[in-house]
Each structure stands twice: as C-alpha cells, then as structure tokens.
C-alpha cells in the first residue's frame, strides 16, 4: 500500500468520454432537425457543432451552442430557443456510455480505498449522466458544483470531499483531465493530482501534477 485512503475523480473526459457523447447528440439533432444530409456536409456540420460546444463549454445554459449552429446551418425543422435547453437536458445524458473496463477498475480501487466524484456542471445533467451510466452504484460520494455552490478549481469543493470521506489531503489522490481546474484546484487543497492524459497532450502550464497517466488502469498501482 502507498498510504492512500481515498481516490477522487473528475467526471467528463475522465470517467466518461464527453467528446463521444457530443457526437451522439449531434446525430440526434441532425435526425430531428435536418433529415437526410450528404455525408461530406454532415462531417463539416459535426466539426462545427464540436467547435460551438467547445466555445461554450462550462456554461450551464447550452442554448448558444445550438442557436449558433442553427445560424450557420439553417435547419429544415427549427427548434425554438426556449426548447433548446430542454432538448439538451433530456438527450445529452443519454448519449453517455461508460466502458466496462472503467467500471472494473473503479471496483478494484474501491476494494482498497474510498472513491468519490467531484464534477462541475448542472445538478440535473450531471446526476442524469451518473445514473444513466450506473456510476452512482460505484462511488461512495458525488459532489456537483451547482449543488454546493463552489466549482473546481476552488479548493473548497475539494475540502468538502475530504470532509465527507473523512480523510486527510495527504491520504488522497485526485484524477482529472483538466490541468487548471482539476490538478491546479486539488493542489490548492494539498491533494496530489494525477493528470489523466490519454491523448498525450503537452503540458503548456506551470502546473506540475503528482503523476501523469494515459489509462485509468495505471491507477490500480497506487492502491495495491
């Protein structure tokens, strides 16, 4: 054992592949509002949808994502602006899928230490994602920023997790894909941050994680 008693996780693009979910939501939107679209045009549309999603990432209200997309690609069957958020809230959580390997790894870790999730986002969507993928059955605790009033990288959201799990910072690891929000944030609470970097991006920040991993399976060695 390495002396760790808890491991905390980010949700989007750590436990769940958000990019894949955005693509699935795009195909739902095209089927609903555009009908048949030429393959080449559809690829161009998908790229633009991803760009708008990235531009407004972090905003709870997703109206601007779809409205901007519709401005560039006028749909055959439009959607009123007031309906866009309902569409996103209803369909986006159902676009997520969790890999069985991830579930297996979490259960192996949970046999040794306490496990929890800290995620930024709206309560409605994040709870729906976690429930839809059955991750709620895997973790001892889930903290959602909108529910508690603090968002990563605010150290208070990490300190709340420590208190709920009754562990000390030096006994805890936090795993996330975002260097500034996840790793920089947990370090402010004196928690060691493990940077999940499967695409092997270059670290262009001054933040130095405790460790960098390219697969979640690597985490098992920290608790066994």
C-alpha atoms as a PDB file:
ATOM      1  CA  UNK A   1       0.000   0.000   0.000  1.00  0.00           C
ATOM      2  CA  UNK A   2       1.108   3.558  -0.691  1.00  0.00           C
ATOM      3  CA  UNK A   3      -0.712   5.068   2.282  1.00  0.00           C
ATOM      4  CA  UNK A   4      -3.630   6.463   0.258  1.00  0.00           C
ATOM      5  CA  UNK A   5      -7.101   6.146   1.743  1.00  0.00           C
ATOM      6  CA  UNK A   6      -9.180   7.852  -0.956  1.00  0.00           C
ATOM      7  CA  UNK A   7      -9.218   8.477  -4.686  1.00  0.00           C
ATOM      8  CA  UNK A   8     -11.367  11.236  -6.192  1.00  0.00           C
ATOM      9  CA  UNK A   9     -12.315  11.546  -9.857  1.00  0.00           C
ATOM     10  CA  UNK A  10     -13.439  14.157 -12.332  1.00  0.00           C
ATOM     11  CA  UNK A  11     -16.408  13.012 -14.453  1.00  0.00           C
ATOM     12  CA  UNK A  12     -16.382  14.425 -18.004  1.00  0.00           C
ATOM     13  CA  UNK A  13     -13.466  13.242 -20.146  1.00  0.00           C
ATOM     14  CA  UNK A  14     -12.060  11.271 -17.231  1.00  0.00           C
ATOM     15  CA  UNK A  15     -14.588   8.627 -16.236  1.00  0.00           C
ATOM     16  CA  UNK A  16     -16.837   9.397 -19.216  1.00  0.00           C
ATOM     17  CA  UNK A  17     -15.866  10.317 -22.771  1.00  0.00           C
ATOM     18  CA  UNK A  18     -17.692  13.587 -23.307  1.00  0.00           C
ATOM     19  CA  UNK A  19     -16.443  14.000 -26.885  1.00  0.00           C
ATOM     20  CA  UNK A  20     -18.154  10.764 -27.921  1.00  0.00           C
ATOM     21  CA  UNK A  21     -21.364  11.929 -26.234  1.00  0.00           C
ATOM     22  CA  UNK A  22     -21.279  15.262 -28.088  1.00  0.00           C
ATOM     23  CA  UNK A  23     -21.068  13.361 -31.375  1.00  0.00           C
ATOM     24  CA  UNK A  24     -24.074  11.210 -30.435  1.00  0.00           C
ATOM     25  CA  UNK A  25     -26.061  14.310 -29.502  1.00  0.00           C
ATOM     26  CA  UNK A  26     -25.137  15.890 -32.839  1.00  0.00           C
ATOM     27  CA  UNK A  27     -26.549  12.892 -34.752  1.00  0.00           C
ATOM     28  CA  UNK A  28     -29.777  13.087 -32.731  1.00  0.00           C
ATOM     29  CA  UNK A  29     -30.063  16.788 -33.569  1.00  0.00           C
ATOM     30  CA  UNK A  30     -29.429  16.232 -37.286  1.00  0.00           C
ATOM     31  CA  UNK A  31     -32.041  13.460 -37.464  1.00  0.00           C
ATOM     32  CA  UNK A  32     -34.593  15.644 -35.686  1.00  0.00           C
ATOM     33  CA  UNK A  33     -33.988  18.962 -37.441  1.00  0.00           C
ATOM     34  CA  UNK A  34     -32.265  18.271 -40.769  1.00  0.00           C
ATOM     35  CA  UNK A  35     -33.347  14.880 -42.065  1.00  0.00           C
ATOM     36  CA  UNK A  36     -31.075  13.337 -44.717  1.00  0.00           C
ATOM     37  CA  UNK A  37     -27.768  15.175 -45.096  1.00  0.00           C
ATOM     38  CA  UNK A  38     -24.935  14.430 -47.512  1.00  0.00           C
ATOM     39  CA  UNK A  39     -22.070  12.620 -45.760  1.00  0.00           C
ATOM     40  CA  UNK A  40     -19.493  15.300 -46.594  1.00  0.00           C
ATOM     41  CA  UNK A  41     -21.732  18.117 -45.373  1.00  0.00           C
ATOM     42  CA  UNK A  42     -22.567  16.144 -42.243  1.00  0.00           C
ATOM     43  CA  UNK A  43     -18.877  15.851 -41.349  1.00  0.00           C
ATOM     44  CA  UNK A  44     -18.470  19.603 -41.784  1.00  0.00           C
ATOM     45  CA  UNK A  45     -21.545  20.169 -39.609  1.00  0.00           C
ATOM     46  CA  UNK A  46     -20.244  17.825 -36.922  1.00  0.00           C
ATOM     47  CA  UNK A  47     -16.937  19.665 -36.749  1.00  0.00           C
ATOM     48  CA  UNK A  48     -18.740  22.993 -36.354  1.00  0.00           C
ATOM     49  CA  UNK A  49     -21.020  21.568 -33.672  1.00  0.00           C
ATOM     50  CA  UNK A  50     -17.957  20.407 -31.745  1.00  0.00           C
ATOM     51  CA  UNK A  51     -16.427  23.874 -32.084  1.00  0.00           C
ATOM     52  CA  UNK A  52     -19.526  25.588 -30.713  1.00  0.00           C
ATOM     53  CA  UNK A  53     -19.718  23.076 -27.885  1.00  0.00           C
ATOM     54  CA  UNK A  54     -16.094  23.833 -27.023  1.00  0.00           C
ATOM     55  CA  UNK A  55     -16.648  27.586 -27.252  1.00  0.00           C
ATOM     56  CA  UNK A  56     -19.471  27.495 -24.716  1.00  0.00           C
ATOM     57  CA  UNK A  57     -18.107  24.649 -22.599  1.00  0.00           C
ATOM     58  CA  UNK A  58     -18.609  25.372 -18.914  1.00  0.00           C
ATOM     59  CA  UNK A  59     -21.837  27.277 -19.415  1.00  0.00           C
ATOM     60  CA  UNK A  60     -24.850  25.619 -17.852  1.00  0.00           C
ATOM     61  CA  UNK A  61     -27.197  27.066 -20.487  1.00  0.00           C
ATOM     62  CA  UNK A  62     -26.499  25.339 -23.811  1.00  0.00           C
ATOM     63  CA  UNK A  63     -28.852  27.498 -25.902  1.00  0.00           C
ATOM     64  CA  UNK A  64     -25.940  29.363 -27.505  1.00  0.00           C
ATOM     65  CA  UNK A  65     -24.358  26.130 -28.741  1.00  0.00           C
ATOM     66  CA  UNK A  66     -27.359  25.005 -30.784  1.00  0.00           C
ATOM     67  CA  UNK A  67     -28.532  28.514 -31.728  1.00  0.00           C
ATOM     68  CA  UNK A  68     -25.100  29.359 -33.149  1.00  0.00           C
ATOM     69  CA  UNK A  69     -25.048  26.054 -35.017  1.00  0.00           C
ATOM     70  CA  UNK A  70     -28.504  26.773 -36.496  1.00  0.00           C
ATOM     71  CA  UNK A  71     -27.350  30.240 -37.574  1.00  0.00           C
ATOM     72  CA  UNK A  72     -24.598  28.632 -39.647  1.00  0.00           C
ATOM     73  CA  UNK A  73     -26.660  25.636 -40.821  1.00  0.00           C
ATOM     74  CA  UNK A  74     -30.360  26.619 -41.012  1.00  0.00           C
ATOM     75  CA  UNK A  75     -32.459  23.540 -40.183  1.00  0.00           C
ATOM     76  CA  UNK A  76     -35.431  22.186 -42.108  1.00  0.00           C
ATOM     77  CA  UNK A  77     -37.330  21.804 -38.849  1.00  0.00           C
ATOM     78  CA  UNK A  78     -36.343  24.568 -36.468  1.00  0.00           C
ATOM     79  CA  UNK A  79     -36.348  24.432 -32.700  1.00  0.00           C
ATOM     80  CA  UNK A  80     -37.457  27.447 -30.625  1.00  0.00           C
ATOM     81  CA  UNK A  81     -34.701  28.827 -28.423  1.00  0.00           C
ATOM     82  CA  UNK A  82     -36.696  28.078 -25.299  1.00  0.00           C
ATOM     83  CA  UNK A  83     -36.805  24.394 -26.331  1.00  0.00           C
ATOM     84  CA  UNK A  84     -33.066  24.012 -26.890  1.00  0.00           C
ATOM     85  CA  UNK A  85     -32.151  23.697 -23.231  1.00  0.00           C
ATOM     86  CA  UNK A  86     -34.879  21.106 -22.684  1.00  0.00           C
ATOM     87  CA  UNK A  87     -33.579  19.135 -25.680  1.00  0.00           C
ATOM     88  CA  UNK A  88     -30.018  19.230 -24.282  1.00  0.00           C
ATOM     89  CA  UNK A  89     -31.051  18.274 -20.744  1.00  0.00           C
ATOM     90  CA  UNK A  90     -33.220  15.409 -21.946  1.00  0.00           C
ATOM     91  CA  UNK A  91     -30.988  13.875 -24.595  1.00  0.00           C
ATOM     92  CA  UNK A  92     -27.367  14.649 -23.676  1.00  0.00           C
ATOM     93  CA  UNK A  93     -27.145  12.451 -20.543  1.00  0.00           C
ATOM     94  CA  UNK A  94     -28.461   9.518 -22.606  1.00  0.00           C
ATOM     95  CA  UNK A  95     -25.587   9.989 -25.061  1.00  0.00           C
ATOM     96  CA  UNK A  96     -23.013   8.906 -22.465  1.00  0.00           C
ATOM     97  CA  UNK A  97     -21.667   5.406 -22.132  1.00  0.00           C
ATOM     98  CA  UNK A  98     -19.172   4.061 -19.637  1.00  0.00           C
ATOM     99  CA  UNK A  99     -16.620   1.467 -20.691  1.00  0.00           C
ATOM    100  CA  UNK A 100     -16.814  -1.794 -18.766  1.00  0.00           C
ATOM    101  CA  UNK A 101     -13.064  -1.584 -18.172  1.00  0.00           C
ATOM    102  CA  UNK A 102     -13.655   1.665 -16.275  1.00  0.00           C
ATOM    103  CA  UNK A 103     -16.248   0.008 -14.024  1.00  0.00           C
ATOM    104  CA  UNK A 104     -13.890  -2.897 -13.361  1.00  0.00           C
ATOM    105  CA  UNK A 105     -11.008  -0.568 -12.470  1.00  0.00           C
ATOM    106  CA  UNK A 106     -13.151   1.512 -10.105  1.00  0.00           C
ATOM    107  CA  UNK A 107     -14.326  -1.622  -8.293  1.00  0.00           C
ATOM    108  CA  UNK A 108     -10.728  -2.808  -7.905  1.00  0.00           C
ATOM    109  CA  UNK A 109      -9.737   0.561  -6.451  1.00  0.00           C
ATOM    110  CA  UNK A 110     -12.798   0.661  -4.197  1.00  0.00           C
ATOM    111  CA  UNK A 111     -11.728  -2.628  -2.618  1.00  0.00           C
ATOM    112  CA  UNK A 112      -8.713  -0.759  -1.218  1.00  0.00           C
ATOM    113  CA  UNK A 113      -9.763   2.902  -0.697  1.00  0.00           C
ATOM    114  CA  UNK A 114     -12.773   5.220  -0.623  1.00  0.00           C
ATOM    115  CA  UNK A 115     -13.787   6.655  -4.001  1.00  0.00           C
ATOM    116  CA  UNK A 116     -15.684   9.784  -4.965  1.00  0.00           C
ATOM    117  CA  UNK A 117     -16.571  12.105  -7.849  1.00  0.00           C
ATOM    118  CA  UNK A 118     -16.184  15.896  -7.970  1.00  0.00           C
ATOM    119  CA  UNK A 119     -17.703  17.420 -11.082  1.00  0.00           C
ATOM    120  CA  UNK A 120     -18.557  20.877 -12.336  1.00  0.00           C
ATOM    121  CA  UNK A 121     -21.917  21.302 -14.046  1.00  0.00           C
ATOM    122  CA  UNK A 122     -25.653  21.402 -13.529  1.00  0.00           C
ATOM    123  CA  UNK A 123     -27.230  19.089 -10.985  1.00  0.00           C
ATOM    124  CA  UNK A 124     -29.862  17.867 -13.447  1.00  0.00           C
ATOM    125  CA  UNK A 125     -27.473  16.849 -16.227  1.00  0.00           C
ATOM    126  CA  UNK A 126     -24.625  15.516 -14.089  1.00  0.00           C
ATOM    127  CA  UNK A 127     -26.919  13.386 -11.928  1.00  0.00           C
ATOM    128  CA  UNK A 128     -28.608  12.072 -15.065  1.00  0.00           C
ATOM    129  CA  UNK A 129     -25.255  11.104 -16.629  1.00  0.00           C
ATOM    130  CA  UNK A 130     -24.128   9.342 -13.468  1.00  0.00           C
ATOM    131  CA  UNK A 131     -27.419   7.480 -13.079  1.00  0.00           C
ATOM    132  CA  UNK A 132     -27.708   6.582 -16.780  1.00  0.00           C
ATOM    133  CA  UNK A 133     -24.216   5.012 -16.767  1.00  0.00           C
ATOM    134  CA  UNK A 134     -24.758   3.342 -13.345  1.00  0.00           C
ATOM    135  CA  UNK A 135     -21.723   5.124 -11.915  1.00  0.00           C
ATOM    136  CA  UNK A 136     -23.857   6.063  -8.912  1.00  0.00           C
ATOM    137  CA  UNK A 137     -23.508   2.433  -7.785  1.00  0.00           C
ATOM    138  CA  UNK A 138     -19.718   2.591  -7.859  1.00  0.00           C
ATOM    139  CA  UNK A 139     -18.858   5.597  -5.695  1.00  0.00           C
ATOM    140  CA  UNK A 140     -19.052   6.456  -2.016  1.00  0.00           C
ATOM    141  CA  UNK A 141     -19.744  10.131  -2.699  1.00  0.00           C
ATOM    142  CA  UNK A 142     -20.611  12.533  -5.534  1.00  0.00           C
ATOM    143  CA  UNK A 143     -20.222  16.314  -5.356  1.00  0.00           C
ATOM    144  CA  UNK A 144     -21.695  18.514  -8.116  1.00  0.00           C
ATOM    145  CA  UNK A 145     -20.639  22.160  -8.277  1.00  0.00           C
ATOM    146  CA  UNK A 146     -24.103  23.643  -8.824  1.00  0.00           C
ATOM    147  CA  UNK A 147     -25.403  21.756  -5.820  1.00  0.00           C
ATOM    148  CA  UNK A 148     -22.755  23.006  -3.374  1.00  0.00           C
ATOM    149  CA  UNK A 149     -22.061  26.495  -4.747  1.00  0.00           C
ATOM    150  CA  UNK A 150     -18.352  26.007  -5.481  1.00  0.00           C
ATOM    151  CA  UNK A 151     -16.711  24.933  -8.732  1.00  0.00           C
ATOM    152  CA  UNK A 152     -13.307  23.485  -9.488  1.00  0.00           C
ATOM    153  CA  UNK A 153     -10.643  24.884  -9.174  1.00  0.00           C
ATOM    154  CA  UNK A 154     -11.991  26.413  -5.916  1.00  0.00           C
ATOM    155  CA  UNK A 155     -10.222  24.497  -3.156  1.00  0.00           C
ATOM    156  CA  UNK A 156     -13.364  24.478  -1.016  1.00  0.00           C
ATOM    157  CA  UNK A 157     -15.066  21.890  -3.217  1.00  0.00           C
ATOM    158  CA  UNK A 158     -12.081  19.564  -2.706  1.00  0.00           C
ATOM    159  CA  UNK A 159     -12.019  20.243   1.029  1.00  0.00           C
ATOM    160  CA  UNK A 160     -15.715  19.349   1.190  1.00  0.00           C
ATOM    161  CA  UNK A 161     -14.924  15.981  -0.372  1.00  0.00           C
ATOM    162  CA  UNK A 162     -12.195  15.328   2.184  1.00  0.00           C
ATOM    163  CA  UNK A 163     -14.621  16.112   4.996  1.00  0.00           C
ATOM    164  CA  UNK A 164     -17.357  13.874   3.592  1.00  0.00           C
ATOM    165  CA  UNK A 165     -14.988  10.935   3.200  1.00  0.00           C
ATOM    166  CA  UNK A 166     -13.203  11.687   6.494  1.00  0.00           C
ATOM    167  CA  UNK A 167      -9.708  11.588   5.012  1.00  0.00           C
ATOM    168  CA  UNK A 168      -6.698  13.909   5.066  1.00  0.00           C
ATOM    169  CA  UNK A 169      -5.262  15.641   1.974  1.00  0.00           C
ATOM    170  CA  UNK A 170      -2.010  13.684   2.073  1.00  0.00           C
ATOM    171  CA  UNK A 171      -4.006  10.444   2.016  1.00  0.00           C
ATOM    172  CA  UNK A 172      -5.912  11.402  -1.131  1.00  0.00           C
ATOM    173  CA  UNK A 173      -5.406  11.391  -4.901  1.00  0.00           C
ATOM    174  CA  UNK A 174      -7.495  13.351  -7.382  1.00  0.00           C
ATOM    175  CA  UNK A 175      -7.684  12.184 -11.015  1.00  0.00           C
ATOM    176  CA  UNK A 176      -8.744  14.575 -13.778  1.00  0.00           C
ATOM    177  CA  UNK A 177      -8.080  15.636 -17.354  1.00  0.00           C
ATOM    178  CA  UNK A 178      -8.043  19.420 -16.854  1.00  0.00           C
ATOM    179  CA  UNK A 179      -4.699  20.732 -15.637  1.00  0.00           C
ATOM    180  CA  UNK A 180      -6.015  24.029 -14.300  1.00  0.00           C
ATOM    181  CA  UNK A 181      -9.406  23.052 -12.842  1.00  0.00           C
ATOM    182  CA  UNK A 182      -8.590  19.528 -11.702  1.00  0.00           C
ATOM    183  CA  UNK A 183      -4.884  19.398 -10.938  1.00  0.00           C
ATOM    184  CA  UNK A 184      -4.328  23.034 -10.031  1.00  0.00           C
ATOM    185  CA  UNK A 185      -7.504  23.030  -7.976  1.00  0.00           C
ATOM    186  CA  UNK A 186      -6.777  19.929  -5.923  1.00  0.00           C
ATOM    187  CA  UNK A 187      -3.210  21.074  -5.296  1.00  0.00           C
ATOM    188  CA  UNK A 188      -4.604  24.196  -3.629  1.00  0.00           C
ATOM    189  CA  UNK A 189      -6.232  21.822  -1.139  1.00  0.00           C
ATOM    190  CA  UNK A 190      -2.908  19.949  -0.736  1.00  0.00           C
ATOM    191  CA  UNK A 191      -4.245  16.912  -2.585  1.00  0.00           C
ATOM    192  CA  UNK A 192      -1.958  15.115  -5.023  1.00  0.00           C
ATOM    193  CA  UNK A 193      -3.246  15.477  -8.581  1.00  0.00           C
ATOM    194  CA  UNK A 194      -2.972  12.748 -11.210  1.00  0.00           C
ATOM    195  CA  UNK A 195      -3.338  14.121 -14.724  1.00  0.00           C
ATOM    196  CA  UNK A 196      -5.378  11.808 -16.952  1.00  0.00           C
ATOM    197  CA  UNK A 197      -3.926  12.456 -20.399  1.00  0.00           C
ATOM    198  CA  UNK A 198      -4.842   9.621 -22.813  1.00  0.00           C
ATOM    199  CA  UNK A 199      -4.228  11.776 -25.897  1.00  0.00           C
ATOM    200  CA  UNK A 200      -0.752  12.677 -24.586  1.00  0.00           C
ATOM    201  CA  UNK A 201      -1.240  16.440 -24.799  1.00  0.00           C
ATOM    202  CA  UNK A 202       1.691  18.684 -23.997  1.00  0.00           C
ATOM    203  CA  UNK A 203       1.618  20.421 -20.630  1.00  0.00           C
ATOM    204  CA  UNK A 204       1.893  24.115 -21.511  1.00  0.00           C
ATOM    205  CA  UNK A 205       1.113  25.302 -17.976  1.00  0.00           C
ATOM    206  CA  UNK A 206       3.205  25.894 -14.888  1.00  0.00           C
ATOM    207  CA  UNK A 207       1.203  23.218 -13.071  1.00  0.00           C
ATOM    208  CA  UNK A 208       3.173  20.078 -12.278  1.00  0.00           C
ATOM    209  CA  UNK A 209       0.957  17.078 -11.479  1.00  0.00           C
ATOM    210  CA  UNK A 210       1.962  14.442  -8.974  1.00  0.00           C
ATOM    211  CA  UNK A 211       1.726  11.929 -11.826  1.00  0.00           C
ATOM    212  CA  UNK A 212       0.567  11.675 -15.430  1.00  0.00           C
ATOM    213  CA  UNK A 213      -1.287   8.620 -16.697  1.00  0.00           C
ATOM    214  CA  UNK A 214      -2.535   7.598 -20.134  1.00  0.00           C
ATOM    215  CA  UNK A 215      -5.008   4.949 -18.979  1.00  0.00           C
ATOM    216  CA  UNK A 216      -7.151   4.570 -15.868  1.00  0.00           C
ATOM    217  CA  UNK A 217      -5.746   1.083 -15.319  1.00  0.00           C
ATOM    218  CA  UNK A 218      -2.494   2.731 -14.204  1.00  0.00           C
ATOM    219  CA  UNK A 219      -4.283   3.957 -11.069  1.00  0.00           C
ATOM    220  CA  UNK A 220      -4.549   0.494  -9.568  1.00  0.00           C
ATOM    221  CA  UNK A 221      -0.826   0.505  -8.756  1.00  0.00           C
ATOM    222  CA  UNK A 222      -1.332   3.469  -6.404  1.00  0.00           C
ATOM    223  CA  UNK A 223      -3.557   1.491  -4.042  1.00  0.00           C
ATOM    224  CA  UNK A 224      -2.192  -2.033  -4.273  1.00  0.00           C
END
